[in-house]
């Protein structure tokens, strides 16, 4: 059986964006090799693909350039920003190519299979060899608890994207995956992922007419506003008895949100010193530990401001808005809804966690690939 080029590129890209094997020390080097192969592939496709989605690609390129400038300006770990920007650039162009040759649904099937394999591997190793967790600095096979928990959520999203929302005969499998995801979140003690699973269930069960209505710019802007200002508005929210009871009772967390409130009170004074370009991507841990004894900002907006400043943050918001604006047709919205569902979940969780990461941009790139999907082919 002949393996097609899109299959190889899709598998490689999956390992660049969605996988980071913590138990394999050379995995970063493997990722760089994969990125090189994707770059070679894109050399022959970039002009055609870039022009077809010119507006998105110009904004995406400007975003990547700002990330690189910020990293070079700050010198410390400058390579991280360049690699991150390269990943975003390659991911968008590859999925635009996959859209062009109309194989997005087939790629989602590949991603379902890969996600099942990696989730099973991670969970099996974690249960059978628990000592590896401490040996690798409190990391599981796929990384920290957040990475593990979110991988299970993305598996569900890939599966729904592949099978479609209207095929109810697959709902049992979907709920089985949701149950698995919840159990994984409990096992790794990730309360934000538990919230993510609840959000996923709610977004999945609402009627199609509601799904279409929430797939719009106004809802997206509202989510960006809520998540982006949570570090300011959290006090009034925590004063609500229902919210405080949910945090202390259901989630078994303190009202400091595991130290987040202390970070919110101190981090802006650091960010404001380099407001336009930030401190460079990947420098949060080293710098914030020295300055305010925190590993990161614990908020997606603040982390973006810290890493690539106001210029990068504004450009990233513009990119997300332009992508969502591509979907005006109701049928397109339903087909792309599972991916948007994941983007919405990550945006909401970014209020209290760093979920605006490379996986998030991978989902945004996949959303672009759904903008021209042929409905009849998807329903076959």
Protein backbone atom coordinates (compact mmCIF):
# COMPACT_ATOMS: atom_id res chain seq x y z
CA UNK A 1 0.00 0.00 0.00
CA UNK A 2 1.41 3.35 -1.08
CA UNK A 3 1.73 5.95 1.69
CA UNK A 4 0.69 9.38 0.45
CA UNK A 5 2.76 12.49 1.13
CA UNK A 6 -0.03 14.22 3.08
CA UNK A 7 -0.11 11.26 5.49
CA UNK A 8 3.61 11.55 6.19
CA UNK A 9 3.50 15.34 6.59
CA UNK A 10 0.42 15.17 8.83
CA UNK A 11 2.04 12.62 11.12
CA UNK A 12 5.25 14.65 11.30
CA UNK A 13 3.31 17.84 12.05
CA UNK A 14 1.32 16.09 14.79
CA UNK A 15 4.59 15.24 16.53
CA UNK A 16 5.85 18.80 16.13
CA UNK A 17 2.73 20.48 17.56
CA UNK A 18 0.87 18.08 19.85
CA UNK A 19 3.51 15.73 21.24
CA UNK A 20 6.43 16.25 23.61
CA UNK A 21 7.77 13.02 25.06
CA UNK A 22 9.22 13.93 28.44
CA UNK A 23 10.92 10.54 28.89
CA UNK A 24 12.90 10.93 25.66
CA UNK A 25 15.74 13.41 26.14
CA UNK A 26 16.45 13.72 22.43
CA UNK A 27 12.85 14.55 21.52
CA UNK A 28 13.60 18.25 20.96
CA UNK A 29 16.29 17.31 18.44
CA UNK A 30 13.83 14.93 16.76
CA UNK A 31 11.34 17.82 16.57
CA UNK A 32 13.94 20.04 14.87
CA UNK A 33 14.59 17.31 12.29
CA UNK A 34 10.85 17.00 11.67
CA UNK A 35 10.60 20.79 11.24
CA UNK A 36 13.40 20.68 8.69
CA UNK A 37 11.55 18.06 6.62
CA UNK A 38 8.33 20.10 6.74
CA UNK A 39 10.28 23.21 5.67
CA UNK A 40 11.71 21.35 2.67
CA UNK A 41 8.22 20.18 1.73
CA UNK A 42 6.80 23.71 2.01
CA UNK A 43 9.51 25.18 -0.23
CA UNK A 44 7.57 23.79 -3.19
CA UNK A 45 4.13 24.76 -1.87
CA UNK A 46 4.54 28.02 0.07
CA UNK A 47 3.92 30.50 -2.78
CA UNK A 48 0.69 28.87 -3.90
CA UNK A 49 -0.71 28.29 -0.42
CA UNK A 50 0.37 31.67 0.95
CA UNK A 51 -1.46 33.62 -1.78
CA UNK A 52 -4.72 31.71 -1.40
CA UNK A 53 -5.12 32.84 2.23
CA UNK A 54 -3.23 36.09 1.91
CA UNK A 55 -4.89 38.09 4.70
CA UNK A 56 -4.51 35.34 7.29
CA UNK A 57 -0.96 34.55 6.25
CA UNK A 58 0.17 38.18 6.37
CA UNK A 59 -1.17 38.58 9.93
CA UNK A 60 0.22 35.19 10.93
CA UNK A 61 3.62 36.10 9.48
CA UNK A 62 3.65 39.45 11.30
CA UNK A 63 2.81 37.63 14.53
CA UNK A 64 5.71 35.22 13.96
CA UNK A 65 8.08 38.10 13.09
CA UNK A 66 7.17 39.92 16.32
CA UNK A 67 7.87 36.75 18.31
CA UNK A 68 11.29 36.47 16.65
CA UNK A 69 12.13 40.17 17.16
CA UNK A 70 11.12 39.93 20.82
CA UNK A 71 13.32 36.88 21.34
CA UNK A 72 16.32 38.38 19.52
CA UNK A 73 15.91 41.68 21.40
CA UNK A 74 15.96 39.92 24.76
CA UNK A 75 18.80 37.51 23.80
CA UNK A 76 18.05 35.07 26.67
CA UNK A 77 16.95 31.75 25.11
CA UNK A 78 16.33 33.57 21.82
CA UNK A 79 16.19 30.29 19.91
CA UNK A 80 12.95 29.32 21.66
CA UNK A 81 11.04 32.17 20.07
CA UNK A 82 12.41 31.43 16.61
CA UNK A 83 11.49 27.75 16.91
CA UNK A 84 8.01 28.59 18.25
CA UNK A 85 7.37 31.08 15.43
CA UNK A 86 8.61 28.54 12.87
CA UNK A 87 6.20 25.93 14.24
CA UNK A 88 3.26 28.31 13.90
CA UNK A 89 4.29 29.30 10.36
CA UNK A 90 4.70 25.69 9.22
CA UNK A 91 1.46 24.54 10.86
CA UNK A 92 -0.69 27.18 9.19
CA UNK A 93 0.80 26.56 5.75
CA UNK A 94 0.59 22.76 6.03
CA UNK A 95 -3.08 22.84 7.00
CA UNK A 96 -3.81 25.32 4.24
CA UNK A 97 -2.21 22.83 1.85
CA UNK A 98 -4.30 20.01 3.33
CA UNK A 99 -7.38 22.16 2.78
CA UNK A 100 -6.36 22.73 -0.84
CA UNK A 101 -6.12 19.00 -1.59
CA UNK A 102 -9.30 18.31 0.44
CA UNK A 103 -7.96 15.69 2.88
CA UNK A 104 -8.72 17.36 6.24
CA UNK A 105 -11.18 14.68 7.33
CA UNK A 106 -8.62 11.96 6.56
CA UNK A 107 -6.03 13.84 8.59
CA UNK A 108 -8.46 14.03 11.53
CA UNK A 109 -8.74 10.23 11.38
CA UNK A 110 -4.94 9.99 11.54
CA UNK A 111 -4.90 12.36 14.53
CA UNK A 112 -7.56 10.30 16.33
CA UNK A 113 -5.44 7.17 15.95
CA UNK A 114 -2.25 8.93 17.06
CA UNK A 115 -3.99 10.54 20.05
CA UNK A 116 -5.42 7.21 21.19
CA UNK A 117 -1.99 5.60 20.95
CA UNK A 118 -0.27 8.36 22.93
CA UNK A 119 -2.99 8.61 25.57
CA UNK A 120 -2.94 4.84 26.09
CA UNK A 121 0.86 4.81 26.27
CA UNK A 122 0.94 7.66 28.76
CA UNK A 123 -1.74 6.20 31.01
CA UNK A 124 -0.31 2.68 30.89
CA UNK A 125 3.21 3.85 31.77
CA UNK A 126 1.87 6.13 34.54
CA UNK A 127 -0.02 3.27 36.19
CA UNK A 128 2.50 0.46 35.69
CA UNK A 129 5.67 2.52 36.30
CA UNK A 130 4.69 5.30 38.76
CA UNK A 131 8.32 5.75 39.85
CA UNK A 132 9.12 7.36 36.48
CA UNK A 133 6.99 10.36 37.46
CA UNK A 134 9.40 11.41 40.22
CA UNK A 135 12.46 10.31 38.29
CA UNK A 136 11.57 12.78 35.51
CA UNK A 137 10.89 15.85 37.69
CA UNK A 138 7.15 15.25 38.19
CA UNK A 139 6.52 14.64 34.50
CA UNK A 140 4.46 11.91 32.92
CA UNK A 141 5.34 10.28 29.59
CA UNK A 142 3.76 13.17 27.64
CA UNK A 143 4.85 15.93 29.99
CA UNK A 144 3.30 17.71 32.97
CA UNK A 145 -0.23 17.08 34.22
CA UNK A 146 -1.71 19.81 32.04
CA UNK A 147 -0.21 18.41 28.84
CA UNK A 148 -1.52 14.93 29.67
CA UNK A 149 -5.02 16.10 30.56
CA UNK A 150 -5.37 18.37 27.52
CA UNK A 151 -4.18 15.61 25.19
CA UNK A 152 -7.20 13.55 26.28
CA UNK A 153 -9.49 16.52 25.56
CA UNK A 154 -7.95 17.02 22.12
CA UNK A 155 -8.52 13.32 21.36
CA UNK A 156 -12.25 13.91 21.86
CA UNK A 157 -12.17 16.99 19.63
CA UNK A 158 -10.32 15.16 16.85
CA UNK A 159 -12.80 12.28 17.05
CA UNK A 160 -15.87 14.53 16.85
CA UNK A 161 -14.23 16.44 13.98
CA UNK A 162 -13.69 13.18 12.13
CA UNK A 163 -17.10 11.61 12.73
CA UNK A 164 -19.17 14.81 12.66
CA UNK A 165 -21.72 16.28 15.04
CA UNK A 166 -24.82 14.87 13.34
CA UNK A 167 -23.89 11.20 13.52
CA UNK A 168 -25.45 10.30 16.88
CA UNK A 169 -24.54 6.61 16.53
CA UNK A 170 -21.00 7.59 17.57
CA UNK A 171 -22.13 9.41 20.74
CA UNK A 172 -21.43 6.38 22.94
CA UNK A 173 -17.81 6.39 21.82
CA UNK A 174 -17.61 10.15 22.42
CA UNK A 175 -18.95 9.82 25.96
CA UNK A 176 -16.56 6.94 26.57
CA UNK A 177 -13.68 9.21 25.55
CA UNK A 178 -15.07 11.98 27.79
CA UNK A 179 -15.20 9.56 30.73
CA UNK A 180 -11.61 8.52 29.98
CA UNK A 181 -10.59 12.18 29.84
CA UNK A 182 -12.25 12.93 33.18
CA UNK A 183 -10.56 9.94 34.81
CA UNK A 184 -7.20 11.05 33.40
CA UNK A 185 -7.74 14.58 34.76
CA UNK A 186 -8.53 13.18 38.21
CA UNK A 187 -5.55 10.82 38.08
CA UNK A 188 -3.08 13.62 37.30
CA UNK A 189 -4.94 16.03 39.64
CA UNK A 190 -5.65 18.68 37.00
CA UNK A 191 -8.69 20.71 38.08
CA UNK A 192 -8.53 23.03 35.06
CA UNK A 193 -8.85 20.03 32.74
CA UNK A 194 -11.90 18.90 34.74
CA UNK A 195 -13.45 22.29 34.05
CA UNK A 196 -12.42 21.83 30.41
CA UNK A 197 -14.27 18.51 30.24
CA UNK A 198 -17.39 20.08 31.73
CA UNK A 199 -17.21 22.87 29.16
CA UNK A 200 -16.71 20.30 26.39
CA UNK A 201 -19.85 18.38 27.44
CA UNK A 202 -21.91 21.58 27.57
CA UNK A 203 -20.66 22.80 24.19
CA UNK A 204 -21.28 19.35 22.68
CA UNK A 205 -24.86 18.77 23.88
CA UNK A 206 -26.33 22.19 23.02
CA UNK A 207 -28.64 22.26 19.94
CA UNK A 208 -27.12 22.96 16.52
CA UNK A 209 -28.93 26.30 16.26
CA UNK A 210 -27.15 27.42 19.45
CA UNK A 211 -23.82 26.10 18.15
CA UNK A 212 -24.22 28.27 15.05
CA UNK A 213 -25.09 31.34 17.15
CA UNK A 214 -22.06 31.09 19.44
CA UNK A 215 -19.77 30.63 16.41
CA UNK A 216 -19.38 34.36 15.86
CA UNK A 217 -17.07 37.30 16.47
CA UNK A 218 -19.11 38.76 19.36
CA UNK A 219 -18.78 35.59 21.46
CA UNK A 220 -15.10 35.31 20.57
CA UNK A 221 -14.46 38.94 21.61
CA UNK A 222 -16.37 38.34 24.84
CA UNK A 223 -14.21 35.31 25.66
CA UNK A 224 -11.04 37.25 24.84
CA UNK A 225 -12.21 40.06 27.12
CA UNK A 226 -13.19 37.77 30.00
CA UNK A 227 -10.01 35.69 29.90
CA UNK A 228 -7.82 38.73 29.28
CA UNK A 229 -9.18 40.68 32.25
CA UNK A 230 -9.64 37.85 34.75
CA UNK A 231 -6.44 38.82 36.56
CA UNK A 232 -8.19 42.14 37.31
CA UNK A 233 -11.78 40.97 37.93
CA UNK A 234 -11.08 37.77 39.88
CA UNK A 235 -11.71 39.37 43.29
CA UNK A 236 -15.36 40.17 42.58
CA UNK A 237 -15.82 36.65 41.18
CA UNK A 238 -14.29 34.98 44.24
CA UNK A 239 -16.61 36.99 46.48
CA UNK A 240 -19.55 35.08 44.99
CA UNK A 241 -20.53 32.32 47.42
CA UNK A 242 -21.39 29.80 44.66
CA UNK A 243 -18.02 30.29 42.98
CA UNK A 244 -16.06 30.09 46.24
CA UNK A 245 -17.95 26.95 47.30
CA UNK A 246 -17.23 25.34 43.93
CA UNK A 247 -13.50 26.13 44.21
CA UNK A 248 -13.06 25.05 47.84
CA UNK A 249 -15.59 22.21 47.85
CA UNK A 250 -15.80 20.61 44.42
CA UNK A 251 -12.29 21.37 43.16
CA UNK A 252 -10.68 21.19 46.62
CA UNK A 253 -8.58 24.29 45.96
CA UNK A 254 -7.89 27.38 48.06
CA UNK A 255 -9.36 30.80 47.25
CA UNK A 256 -5.85 31.95 46.30
CA UNK A 257 -6.39 29.71 43.23
CA UNK A 258 -3.23 27.79 44.12
CA UNK A 259 -1.22 30.99 44.48
CA UNK A 260 -2.51 32.62 41.30
CA UNK A 261 -3.95 35.66 43.08
CA UNK A 262 -0.51 36.51 44.50
CA UNK A 263 0.98 36.35 41.00
CA UNK A 264 -1.79 38.57 39.57
CA UNK A 265 -1.07 41.22 42.19
CA UNK A 266 2.64 41.41 41.34
CA UNK A 267 3.22 40.44 37.73
CA UNK A 268 1.98 43.58 35.95
CA UNK A 269 4.74 45.68 37.49
CA UNK A 270 7.20 43.34 35.73
CA UNK A 271 5.33 43.28 32.40
CA UNK A 272 4.97 47.07 32.26
CA UNK A 273 8.75 47.50 32.11
CA UNK A 274 8.82 45.86 28.66
CA UNK A 275 5.29 46.53 27.51
CA UNK A 276 5.74 46.46 23.71
CA UNK A 277 7.94 43.44 22.98
CA UNK A 278 7.95 41.57 26.28
CA UNK A 279 10.79 39.46 27.65
CA UNK A 280 11.04 36.87 24.89
CA UNK A 281 9.25 33.58 24.44
CA UNK A 282 10.16 30.78 26.83
CA UNK A 283 11.74 33.04 29.46
CA UNK A 284 8.90 33.03 32.00
CA UNK A 285 10.32 30.47 34.39
CA UNK A 286 13.85 31.86 34.61
CA UNK A 287 12.85 35.52 34.94
CA UNK A 288 9.65 35.31 37.00
CA UNK A 289 11.24 32.94 39.51
CA UNK A 290 13.89 35.59 40.16
CA UNK A 291 11.50 38.54 40.19
CA UNK A 292 8.31 37.32 41.91
CA UNK A 293 9.01 33.65 42.73
CA UNK A 294 6.52 32.34 40.13
CA UNK A 295 6.99 29.83 37.31
CA UNK A 296 4.67 31.74 34.94
CA UNK A 297 1.90 34.35 34.94
CA UNK A 298 -0.99 31.83 35.26
CA UNK A 299 -3.06 33.75 32.71
CA UNK A 300 -3.02 33.52 28.92
CA UNK A 301 -3.20 37.27 28.31
CA UNK A 302 -0.51 38.07 30.89
CA UNK A 303 1.73 35.31 29.55
CA UNK A 304 1.40 36.68 26.02
CA UNK A 305 2.19 40.18 27.27
CA UNK A 306 5.19 38.87 29.17
CA UNK A 307 6.58 36.79 26.33
CA UNK A 308 6.02 38.93 23.23
CA UNK A 309 4.50 42.16 24.54
CA UNK A 310 1.53 44.25 23.47
CA UNK A 311 2.49 44.10 19.78
CA UNK A 312 2.52 40.31 19.70
CA UNK A 313 -0.62 40.01 21.85
CA UNK A 314 -2.60 42.39 19.63
CA UNK A 315 -1.43 40.60 16.49
CA UNK A 316 -2.38 37.21 17.95
CA UNK A 317 -5.89 38.49 18.79
CA UNK A 318 -6.30 39.89 15.26
CA UNK A 319 -5.24 36.51 13.82
CA UNK A 320 -7.86 34.61 15.85
CA UNK A 321 -10.58 37.11 14.91
CA UNK A 322 -9.77 36.94 11.18
CA UNK A 323 -9.86 33.13 11.25
CA UNK A 324 -13.26 32.98 12.97
CA UNK A 325 -14.65 35.62 10.58
CA UNK A 326 -14.03 33.19 7.71
CA UNK A 327 -17.08 31.20 8.83
CA UNK A 328 -20.29 32.90 7.76
CA UNK A 329 -22.15 29.91 6.32
CA UNK A 330 -24.14 27.84 8.88
CA UNK A 331 -23.10 24.51 7.34
CA UNK A 332 -19.43 25.46 7.53
CA UNK A 333 -19.91 26.44 11.17
CA UNK A 334 -21.35 23.04 12.07
CA UNK A 335 -18.52 21.19 10.33
CA UNK A 336 -15.84 23.32 11.99
CA UNK A 337 -17.61 23.57 15.36
CA UNK A 338 -15.65 20.79 17.15
CA UNK A 339 -12.36 22.63 16.52
CA UNK A 340 -13.88 25.96 17.57
CA UNK A 341 -15.17 24.17 20.68
CA UNK A 342 -11.59 23.31 21.63
CA UNK A 343 -10.41 26.88 20.91
CA UNK A 344 -13.18 28.28 23.12
CA UNK A 345 -12.27 25.86 25.92
CA UNK A 346 -8.61 26.85 25.75
CA UNK A 347 -9.55 30.55 25.76
CA UNK A 348 -11.77 30.14 28.83
CA UNK A 349 -9.15 28.10 30.67
CA UNK A 350 -6.52 30.71 29.77
CA UNK A 351 -8.14 32.88 32.46
CA UNK A 352 -6.32 30.77 35.05
CA UNK A 353 -3.83 28.71 33.05
CA UNK A 354 -1.34 28.90 30.17
CA UNK A 355 -3.40 27.33 27.39
CA UNK A 356 -2.49 29.82 24.64
CA UNK A 357 0.37 27.63 23.53
CA UNK A 358 1.51 25.78 20.42
CA UNK A 359 -1.38 23.30 20.70
CA UNK A 360 -3.80 26.22 20.70
CA UNK A 361 -2.26 27.63 17.52
CA UNK A 362 -2.39 24.15 16.03
CA UNK A 363 -6.15 24.16 16.58
CA UNK A 364 -6.47 27.64 15.05
CA UNK A 365 -4.56 26.39 11.98
CA UNK A 366 -6.88 23.36 11.73
CA UNK A 367 -9.86 25.72 11.91
CA UNK A 368 -8.51 27.56 8.85
CA UNK A 369 -8.45 24.25 6.97
CA UNK A 370 -12.20 23.84 7.58
CA UNK A 371 -13.10 27.10 5.88
CA UNK A 372 -13.54 25.53 2.42
CA UNK A 373 -14.54 21.98 3.28
CA UNK A 374 -17.00 20.42 0.88
CA UNK A 375 -20.06 19.49 2.92
CA UNK A 376 -21.09 16.59 0.71
CA UNK A 377 -17.69 14.94 0.93
CA UNK A 378 -17.65 15.34 4.71
CA UNK A 379 -20.97 13.55 5.08
CA UNK A 380 -20.01 10.51 3.02
